[in-house]
Each structure stands twice: as structure tokens, then as C-alpha cells.
Amino acid sequence: MTRLLVVHHTPSPTLHELLGAVLEGAGTDEIDGDVEVVSRPALTAGAADALACDGIVLGTPANIGTMSGALKHFFDQVYYPCLDQTAGRPFGLYVHGGSDTAGAVRDVLKITGALGWEQAAEVCEVTGAVAAADREAAWELGATVALRALEKTSG
């Protein structure tokens, strides 16, 4: 069975809404195959989780121009154990900010690039309140990364 890991820092109702949409998309019946979706808060996810998955979705607020400390903690925990073991893993990213997400996106993409993870979908960047288009983009992100992970394990 293909395993999709969703690592998130969800301190606000807005991020909770985006996480829900990502999980719905990742678990949709429209994907023809078995994908187990595992959701872990960034402060408790670790190397064992990252090593045991076939794809990863990352979610973070944009805090003071960068990713949350919780997501940075996740990367600190997994970087060396996963450096050679997870190259080529498909991943996706969603970020919420009050007015700007650029720094958070830049920093996450820098780390995932160093890990050799492959971006499977456009980053879902949301500022302010979540609109219907944002929920749809988050749903698509979850579904796309789940499908990419399934394709990698099946083919």
C-alpha cells in the first residue's frame, strides 16, 4: 500500500481548513489505488515517519517571513537520516500567511531541494481568509501528491 505522510503545523482555524481540504483530496475515491494517508503534527513527526512514506505533503503558516518553527523542527529531525534514503520522494506544500508567504515557500523549497524531494504540484499559497478557490487548490494538492506517490510505488 502506498503511504502519504501529511506533516503540518496547524495553529489556526485557517490552517485547519486547508489541512482538511488536503486530507480530503489525498483520500479521495477518485484515485484508483490504495493510498494510506497519515497525518502528523510537525512537532511529533520524525525520521521514521518520513522513511516509511512514499510521498509527503507539508503544511505551515508563514511566520515572521519563514516557515513555522515546528516545521523547521521536523526538518531538523529528518534531514540526515533521510538525506540519501528519501531522494526522489514526491512532495507538496501549502502555506498560509496574513499578507506574505514568499519567505516560507523559499525556505521550504530550499530544504526539500537539498533532500532531493521532487515537487509534485504547485505550492498552495493562501493569504488572508480561505476562499473556495483556495480550498480547491488544497484539495488538488493532496490528490496530486497522493497520485504521484501511488504512481511511483506502482510503476
N, C-alpha and C. Protein backbone atom coordinates (compact mmCIF):
# COMPACT_ATOMS: atom_id res chain seq x y z
N MET A 1 0.84 -1.18 0.00
CA MET A 1 0.00 0.00 0.00
C MET A 1 0.89 1.25 0.00
N THR A 2 0.49 2.23 -0.75
CA THR A 2 1.21 3.50 -0.82
C THR A 2 0.85 4.33 0.41
N ARG A 3 1.86 4.97 0.99
CA ARG A 3 1.63 5.79 2.18
C ARG A 3 1.98 7.24 1.89
N LEU A 4 1.02 8.12 2.14
CA LEU A 4 1.23 9.55 2.02
C LEU A 4 1.28 10.15 3.42
N LEU A 5 2.36 10.84 3.73
CA LEU A 5 2.53 11.49 5.02
C LEU A 5 2.20 12.97 4.87
N VAL A 6 1.32 13.46 5.73
CA VAL A 6 0.99 14.88 5.77
C VAL A 6 1.56 15.44 7.07
N VAL A 7 2.58 16.26 6.95
CA VAL A 7 3.23 16.87 8.11
C VAL A 7 2.79 18.33 8.16
N HIS A 8 2.21 18.73 9.26
CA HIS A 8 1.60 20.05 9.31
C HIS A 8 1.78 20.73 10.66
N HIS A 9 1.81 22.04 10.61
CA HIS A 9 1.70 22.87 11.81
C HIS A 9 0.42 23.67 11.62
N THR A 10 -0.57 23.40 12.46
CA THR A 10 -1.93 23.89 12.24
C THR A 10 -2.42 24.66 13.47
N PRO A 11 -1.85 25.85 13.72
CA PRO A 11 -2.25 26.59 14.91
C PRO A 11 -3.48 27.46 14.76
N SER A 12 -4.02 27.58 13.54
CA SER A 12 -5.14 28.49 13.32
C SER A 12 -6.30 27.80 12.63
N PRO A 13 -7.49 28.35 12.73
CA PRO A 13 -8.63 27.78 12.00
C PRO A 13 -8.40 27.77 10.49
N THR A 14 -7.72 28.76 9.97
CA THR A 14 -7.44 28.81 8.53
C THR A 14 -6.58 27.62 8.10
N LEU A 15 -5.54 27.35 8.84
CA LEU A 15 -4.69 26.21 8.50
C LEU A 15 -5.41 24.89 8.72
N HIS A 16 -6.28 24.84 9.71
CA HIS A 16 -7.09 23.64 9.93
C HIS A 16 -7.98 23.38 8.71
N GLU A 17 -8.55 24.44 8.16
CA GLU A 17 -9.39 24.31 6.97
C GLU A 17 -8.59 23.81 5.77
N LEU A 18 -7.39 24.35 5.59
CA LEU A 18 -6.55 23.89 4.48
C LEU A 18 -6.12 22.44 4.68
N LEU A 19 -5.76 22.07 5.91
CA LEU A 19 -5.39 20.69 6.20
C LEU A 19 -6.55 19.75 5.86
N GLY A 20 -7.76 20.12 6.25
CA GLY A 20 -8.92 19.29 5.95
C GLY A 20 -9.09 19.07 4.46
N ALA A 21 -8.90 20.12 3.67
CA ALA A 21 -9.02 20.00 2.22
C ALA A 21 -7.93 19.11 1.64
N VAL A 22 -6.71 19.25 2.14
CA VAL A 22 -5.60 18.40 1.68
C VAL A 22 -5.90 16.94 1.99
N LEU A 23 -6.36 16.65 3.20
CA LEU A 23 -6.66 15.27 3.58
C LEU A 23 -7.80 14.70 2.76
N GLU A 24 -8.81 15.51 2.48
CA GLU A 24 -9.92 15.05 1.63
C GLU A 24 -9.41 14.71 0.23
N GLY A 25 -8.60 15.58 -0.33
CA GLY A 25 -8.06 15.32 -1.67
C GLY A 25 -7.19 14.08 -1.70
N ALA A 26 -6.33 13.94 -0.70
CA ALA A 26 -5.43 12.78 -0.66
C ALA A 26 -6.19 11.48 -0.50
N GLY A 27 -7.32 11.53 0.18
CA GLY A 27 -8.10 10.32 0.44
C GLY A 27 -9.26 10.11 -0.52
N THR A 28 -9.32 10.88 -1.58
CA THR A 28 -10.46 10.78 -2.50
C THR A 28 -10.56 9.41 -3.15
N ASP A 29 -11.80 9.00 -3.39
CA ASP A 29 -12.06 7.74 -4.09
C ASP A 29 -11.72 7.84 -5.58
N GLU A 30 -11.47 9.05 -6.06
CA GLU A 30 -11.13 9.25 -7.47
C GLU A 30 -9.76 8.69 -7.82
N ILE A 31 -8.93 8.45 -6.80
CA ILE A 31 -7.61 7.85 -7.03
C ILE A 31 -7.81 6.35 -7.10
N ASP A 32 -7.41 5.77 -8.21
CA ASP A 32 -7.58 4.34 -8.43
C ASP A 32 -6.38 3.59 -7.86
N GLY A 33 -6.48 3.22 -6.61
CA GLY A 33 -5.41 2.51 -5.92
C GLY A 33 -5.51 2.76 -4.44
N ASP A 34 -4.73 2.00 -3.67
CA ASP A 34 -4.76 2.12 -2.22
C ASP A 34 -3.70 3.09 -1.73
N VAL A 35 -4.16 4.19 -1.15
CA VAL A 35 -3.26 5.17 -0.55
C VAL A 35 -3.67 5.34 0.90
N GLU A 36 -2.76 5.04 1.79
CA GLU A 36 -2.97 5.28 3.21
C GLU A 36 -2.46 6.68 3.51
N VAL A 37 -3.33 7.52 4.05
CA VAL A 37 -2.96 8.90 4.38
C VAL A 37 -2.71 8.98 5.88
N VAL A 38 -1.51 9.40 6.24
CA VAL A 38 -1.10 9.51 7.64
C VAL A 38 -0.83 10.98 7.93
N SER A 39 -1.53 11.54 8.90
CA SER A 39 -1.37 12.95 9.26
C SER A 39 -0.62 13.04 10.59
N ARG A 40 0.44 13.86 10.59
CA ARG A 40 1.24 14.02 11.81
C ARG A 40 1.52 15.50 12.04
N PRO A 41 1.33 15.98 13.26
CA PRO A 41 1.77 17.34 13.58
C PRO A 41 3.30 17.42 13.42
N ALA A 42 3.76 18.56 12.96
CA ALA A 42 5.18 18.72 12.68
C ALA A 42 6.06 18.49 13.91
N LEU A 43 5.56 18.80 15.09
CA LEU A 43 6.38 18.62 16.29
C LEU A 43 6.50 17.16 16.72
N THR A 44 5.65 16.27 16.20
CA THR A 44 5.75 14.86 16.58
C THR A 44 6.20 13.97 15.43
N ALA A 45 6.17 14.47 14.20
CA ALA A 45 6.63 13.68 13.06
C ALA A 45 8.15 13.57 13.11
N GLY A 46 8.66 12.43 12.67
CA GLY A 46 10.10 12.25 12.71
C GLY A 46 10.61 11.44 11.54
N ALA A 47 11.86 11.06 11.64
CA ALA A 47 12.53 10.34 10.57
C ALA A 47 11.83 9.03 10.23
N ALA A 48 11.37 8.31 11.24
CA ALA A 48 10.69 7.03 10.97
C ALA A 48 9.46 7.25 10.09
N ASP A 49 8.73 8.33 10.34
CA ASP A 49 7.56 8.64 9.52
C ASP A 49 7.98 8.95 8.08
N ALA A 50 8.99 9.77 7.93
CA ALA A 50 9.44 10.17 6.60
C ALA A 50 10.03 8.99 5.82
N LEU A 51 10.73 8.11 6.50
CA LEU A 51 11.32 6.95 5.84
C LEU A 51 10.26 5.94 5.42
N ALA A 52 9.13 5.90 6.15
CA ALA A 52 8.09 4.90 5.89
C ALA A 52 7.06 5.36 4.87
N CYS A 53 7.19 6.56 4.32
CA CYS A 53 6.18 7.06 3.40
C CYS A 53 6.69 7.05 1.96
N ASP A 54 5.74 7.19 1.05
CA ASP A 54 6.06 7.22 -0.38
C ASP A 54 5.89 8.61 -0.97
N GLY A 55 5.30 9.52 -0.23
CA GLY A 55 5.09 10.90 -0.63
C GLY A 55 4.77 11.73 0.60
N ILE A 56 5.00 13.05 0.50
CA ILE A 56 4.84 13.92 1.66
C ILE A 56 4.15 15.21 1.25
N VAL A 57 3.19 15.63 2.07
CA VAL A 57 2.62 16.97 1.95
C VAL A 57 3.01 17.72 3.22
N LEU A 58 3.51 18.92 3.04
CA LEU A 58 3.95 19.76 4.13
C LEU A 58 3.01 20.96 4.25
N GLY A 59 2.64 21.32 5.47
CA GLY A 59 1.78 22.48 5.68
C GLY A 59 2.32 23.35 6.80
N THR A 60 2.36 24.67 6.56
CA THR A 60 2.92 25.58 7.55
C THR A 60 2.32 26.97 7.43
N PRO A 61 2.26 27.68 8.56
CA PRO A 61 2.00 29.11 8.46
C PRO A 61 3.29 29.82 8.05
N ALA A 62 3.15 31.00 7.49
CA ALA A 62 4.30 31.86 7.25
C ALA A 62 4.44 32.74 8.49
N ASN A 63 5.49 32.50 9.24
CA ASN A 63 5.72 33.22 10.49
C ASN A 63 6.98 34.07 10.38
N ILE A 64 6.82 35.35 10.52
CA ILE A 64 7.95 36.29 10.51
C ILE A 64 8.84 36.04 9.29
N GLY A 65 8.22 35.82 8.16
CA GLY A 65 8.95 35.70 6.91
C GLY A 65 9.49 34.32 6.58
N THR A 66 9.15 33.31 7.37
CA THR A 66 9.65 31.97 7.08
C THR A 66 8.64 30.92 7.53
N MET A 67 9.01 29.65 7.38
CA MET A 67 8.15 28.56 7.86
C MET A 67 8.07 28.58 9.38
N SER A 68 7.11 27.87 9.91
CA SER A 68 6.98 27.80 11.36
C SER A 68 8.17 27.07 11.98
N GLY A 69 8.42 27.37 13.23
CA GLY A 69 9.47 26.67 13.95
C GLY A 69 9.18 25.18 14.05
N ALA A 70 7.90 24.83 14.10
CA ALA A 70 7.52 23.42 14.19
C ALA A 70 7.93 22.67 12.93
N LEU A 71 7.70 23.24 11.75
CA LEU A 71 8.12 22.56 10.52
C LEU A 71 9.64 22.53 10.42
N LYS A 72 10.30 23.59 10.84
CA LYS A 72 11.76 23.59 10.85
C LYS A 72 12.27 22.49 11.78
N HIS A 73 11.61 22.28 12.92
CA HIS A 73 11.96 21.20 13.83
C HIS A 73 11.85 19.85 13.13
N PHE A 74 10.77 19.65 12.37
CA PHE A 74 10.62 18.41 11.61
C PHE A 74 11.82 18.22 10.68
N PHE A 75 12.16 19.25 9.93
CA PHE A 75 13.30 19.12 9.01
C PHE A 75 14.59 18.84 9.76
N ASP A 76 14.78 19.47 10.91
CA ASP A 76 15.99 19.20 11.72
C ASP A 76 16.06 17.74 12.15
N GLN A 77 14.90 17.14 12.44
CA GLN A 77 14.86 15.75 12.88
C GLN A 77 15.10 14.76 11.75
N VAL A 78 14.67 15.10 10.54
CA VAL A 78 14.71 14.13 9.45
C VAL A 78 15.86 14.33 8.48
N TYR A 79 16.50 15.47 8.50
CA TYR A 79 17.44 15.81 7.44
C TYR A 79 18.52 14.74 7.22
N TYR A 80 19.33 14.46 8.20
CA TYR A 80 20.41 13.49 7.98
C TYR A 80 19.93 12.05 7.84
N PRO A 81 18.97 11.59 8.66
CA PRO A 81 18.50 10.21 8.44
C PRO A 81 17.86 10.00 7.07
N CYS A 82 17.28 11.05 6.50
CA CYS A 82 16.55 10.92 5.23
C CYS A 82 17.34 11.39 4.02
N LEU A 83 18.49 11.98 4.23
CA LEU A 83 19.22 12.65 3.16
C LEU A 83 19.42 11.77 1.94
N ASP A 84 19.88 10.56 2.11
CA ASP A 84 20.10 9.66 0.98
C ASP A 84 18.94 8.70 0.76
N GLN A 85 18.15 8.48 1.78
CA GLN A 85 17.11 7.46 1.73
C GLN A 85 15.82 7.90 1.06
N THR A 86 15.55 9.20 1.00
CA THR A 86 14.25 9.65 0.50
C THR A 86 14.34 10.49 -0.77
N ALA A 87 15.49 10.55 -1.38
CA ALA A 87 15.62 11.32 -2.63
C ALA A 87 14.62 10.80 -3.65
N GLY A 88 14.02 11.71 -4.36
CA GLY A 88 13.03 11.34 -5.37
C GLY A 88 11.61 11.25 -4.85
N ARG A 89 11.41 11.40 -3.54
CA ARG A 89 10.05 11.37 -2.99
C ARG A 89 9.25 12.54 -3.52
N PRO A 90 8.03 12.30 -3.98
CA PRO A 90 7.18 13.42 -4.37
C PRO A 90 6.68 14.15 -3.13
N PHE A 91 6.60 15.47 -3.24
CA PHE A 91 6.08 16.25 -2.11
C PHE A 91 5.26 17.41 -2.63
N GLY A 92 4.46 17.95 -1.72
CA GLY A 92 3.69 19.15 -1.98
C GLY A 92 3.73 20.04 -0.75
N LEU A 93 3.37 21.30 -0.94
CA LEU A 93 3.46 22.28 0.14
C LEU A 93 2.26 23.21 0.09
N TYR A 94 1.69 23.47 1.26
CA TYR A 94 0.71 24.54 1.39
C TYR A 94 1.14 25.46 2.52
N VAL A 95 0.94 26.77 2.29
CA VAL A 95 1.39 27.79 3.23
C VAL A 95 0.29 28.83 3.38
N HIS A 96 0.05 29.25 4.61
CA HIS A 96 -0.88 30.36 4.85
C HIS A 96 -0.14 31.49 5.54
N GLY A 97 -0.38 32.71 5.07
CA GLY A 97 0.19 33.89 5.70
C GLY A 97 -0.83 34.99 5.78
N GLY A 98 -0.61 35.92 6.69
CA GLY A 98 -1.50 37.05 6.80
C GLY A 98 -1.41 37.95 5.58
N SER A 99 -0.19 38.15 5.09
CA SER A 99 -0.03 39.02 3.92
C SER A 99 1.04 38.54 2.95
N ASP A 100 1.90 37.61 3.37
CA ASP A 100 3.01 37.20 2.51
C ASP A 100 3.44 35.78 2.86
N THR A 101 3.73 34.99 1.86
CA THR A 101 4.17 33.61 2.07
C THR A 101 5.52 33.33 1.41
N ALA A 102 6.08 34.30 0.72
CA ALA A 102 7.26 34.08 -0.13
C ALA A 102 8.45 33.51 0.63
N GLY A 103 8.75 34.04 1.79
CA GLY A 103 9.91 33.56 2.55
C GLY A 103 9.74 32.12 3.02
N ALA A 104 8.54 31.79 3.47
CA ALA A 104 8.28 30.42 3.92
C ALA A 104 8.41 29.44 2.76
N VAL A 105 7.84 29.80 1.61
CA VAL A 105 7.92 28.93 0.44
C VAL A 105 9.38 28.75 0.03
N ARG A 106 10.11 29.84 -0.05
CA ARG A 106 11.53 29.79 -0.44
C ARG A 106 12.33 28.86 0.48
N ASP A 107 12.13 29.01 1.78
CA ASP A 107 12.92 28.23 2.73
C ASP A 107 12.57 26.74 2.69
N VAL A 108 11.28 26.42 2.56
CA VAL A 108 10.90 25.00 2.47
C VAL A 108 11.44 24.39 1.18
N LEU A 109 11.32 25.11 0.07
CA LEU A 109 11.82 24.57 -1.20
C LEU A 109 13.33 24.39 -1.20
N LYS A 110 14.03 25.23 -0.46
CA LYS A 110 15.48 25.08 -0.35
C LYS A 110 15.83 23.77 0.37
N ILE A 111 15.12 23.48 1.45
CA ILE A 111 15.40 22.26 2.23
C ILE A 111 14.96 21.02 1.47
N THR A 112 13.77 21.04 0.89
CA THR A 112 13.30 19.87 0.14
C THR A 112 14.20 19.62 -1.07
N GLY A 113 14.72 20.68 -1.67
CA GLY A 113 15.66 20.52 -2.77
C GLY A 113 16.95 19.84 -2.32
N ALA A 114 17.44 20.24 -1.15
CA ALA A 114 18.65 19.62 -0.61
C ALA A 114 18.42 18.14 -0.29
N LEU A 115 17.19 17.80 0.10
CA LEU A 115 16.85 16.40 0.39
C LEU A 115 16.64 15.59 -0.90
N GLY A 116 16.51 16.29 -2.02
CA GLY A 116 16.29 15.59 -3.28
C GLY A 116 14.84 15.20 -3.50
N TRP A 117 13.91 15.81 -2.75
CA TRP A 117 12.50 15.52 -2.95
C TRP A 117 12.02 16.21 -4.22
N GLU A 118 11.04 15.61 -4.89
CA GLU A 118 10.54 16.13 -6.15
C GLU A 118 9.19 16.80 -5.94
N GLN A 119 9.11 18.07 -6.32
CA GLN A 119 7.87 18.81 -6.17
C GLN A 119 6.83 18.25 -7.14
N ALA A 120 5.73 17.75 -6.60
CA ALA A 120 4.70 17.07 -7.41
C ALA A 120 3.58 17.99 -7.85
N ALA A 121 3.48 19.17 -7.23
CA ALA A 121 2.37 20.08 -7.53
C ALA A 121 2.80 21.50 -7.20
N GLU A 122 2.09 22.45 -7.77
CA GLU A 122 2.33 23.85 -7.45
C GLU A 122 2.08 24.08 -5.96
N VAL A 123 2.84 24.97 -5.36
CA VAL A 123 2.63 25.32 -3.96
C VAL A 123 1.27 26.00 -3.82
N CYS A 124 0.54 25.59 -2.81
CA CYS A 124 -0.74 26.22 -2.49
C CYS A 124 -0.45 27.33 -1.49
N GLU A 125 -0.46 28.57 -1.98
CA GLU A 125 -0.17 29.74 -1.14
C GLU A 125 -1.45 30.51 -0.91
N VAL A 126 -1.77 30.74 0.36
CA VAL A 126 -3.01 31.42 0.73
C VAL A 126 -2.66 32.56 1.68
N THR A 127 -3.18 33.75 1.38
CA THR A 127 -3.08 34.86 2.32
C THR A 127 -4.48 35.30 2.69
N GLY A 128 -4.64 35.67 3.95
CA GLY A 128 -5.96 36.11 4.41
C GLY A 128 -6.90 34.94 4.59
N ALA A 129 -8.18 35.22 4.44
CA ALA A 129 -9.22 34.20 4.60
C ALA A 129 -9.17 33.18 3.47
N VAL A 130 -9.59 31.96 3.76
CA VAL A 130 -9.61 30.89 2.76
C VAL A 130 -10.85 31.04 1.89
N ALA A 131 -10.65 31.13 0.59
CA ALA A 131 -11.75 31.22 -0.37
C ALA A 131 -12.00 29.84 -0.97
N ALA A 132 -13.08 29.71 -1.70
CA ALA A 132 -13.41 28.43 -2.34
C ALA A 132 -12.28 27.96 -3.25
N ALA A 133 -11.67 28.87 -3.98
CA ALA A 133 -10.56 28.51 -4.87
C ALA A 133 -9.36 27.98 -4.08
N ASP A 134 -9.14 28.51 -2.89
CA ASP A 134 -8.04 28.05 -2.04
C ASP A 134 -8.31 26.63 -1.53
N ARG A 135 -9.55 26.38 -1.13
CA ARG A 135 -9.91 25.02 -0.68
C ARG A 135 -9.73 24.03 -1.83
N GLU A 136 -10.15 24.42 -3.02
CA GLU A 136 -9.99 23.55 -4.19
C GLU A 136 -8.51 23.31 -4.49
N ALA A 137 -7.69 24.34 -4.38
CA ALA A 137 -6.25 24.18 -4.63
C ALA A 137 -5.62 23.24 -3.60
N ALA A 138 -6.05 23.34 -2.34
CA ALA A 138 -5.53 22.46 -1.30
C ALA A 138 -5.99 21.02 -1.55
N TRP A 139 -7.24 20.84 -1.97
CA TRP A 139 -7.76 19.51 -2.30
C TRP A 139 -6.93 18.91 -3.45
N GLU A 140 -6.71 19.70 -4.48
CA GLU A 140 -5.91 19.25 -5.64
C GLU A 140 -4.49 18.90 -5.23
N LEU A 141 -3.93 19.67 -4.32
CA LEU A 141 -2.57 19.39 -3.84
C LEU A 141 -2.52 18.00 -3.20
N GLY A 142 -3.45 17.74 -2.28
CA GLY A 142 -3.47 16.43 -1.63
C GLY A 142 -3.66 15.30 -2.62
N ALA A 143 -4.60 15.46 -3.55
CA ALA A 143 -4.87 14.42 -4.54
C ALA A 143 -3.69 14.21 -5.48
N THR A 144 -3.06 15.28 -5.91
CA THR A 144 -1.94 15.18 -6.85
C THR A 144 -0.74 14.48 -6.23
N VAL A 145 -0.40 14.85 -5.01
CA VAL A 145 0.75 14.22 -4.36
C VAL A 145 0.45 12.75 -4.06
N ALA A 146 -0.77 12.45 -3.64
CA ALA A 146 -1.14 11.05 -3.40
C ALA A 146 -1.05 10.24 -4.68
N LEU A 147 -1.55 10.79 -5.77
CA LEU A 147 -1.49 10.09 -7.05
C LEU A 147 -0.05 9.91 -7.52
N ARG A 148 0.78 10.93 -7.38
CA ARG A 148 2.19 10.81 -7.77
C ARG A 148 2.90 9.74 -6.95
N ALA A 149 2.63 9.69 -5.64
CA ALA A 149 3.23 8.67 -4.78
C ALA A 149 2.78 7.28 -5.21
N LEU A 150 1.49 7.15 -5.53
CA LEU A 150 0.95 5.87 -6.00
C LEU A 150 1.62 5.44 -7.31
N GLU A 151 1.79 6.37 -8.22
CA GLU A 151 2.45 6.06 -9.50
C GLU A 151 3.89 5.60 -9.28
N LYS A 152 4.59 6.23 -8.34
CA LYS A 152 5.98 5.85 -8.09
C LYS A 152 6.09 4.46 -7.48
N THR A 153 5.12 4.08 -6.64
CA THR A 153 5.18 2.77 -6.00
C THR A 153 4.63 1.67 -6.91
N SER A 154 3.80 2.05 -7.87
CA SER A 154 3.19 1.07 -8.77
C SER A 154 4.02 0.83 -10.02
N GLY A 155 4.83 1.77 -10.38
CA GLY A 155 5.44 1.64 -11.68
C GLY A 155 6.88 1.65 -11.76
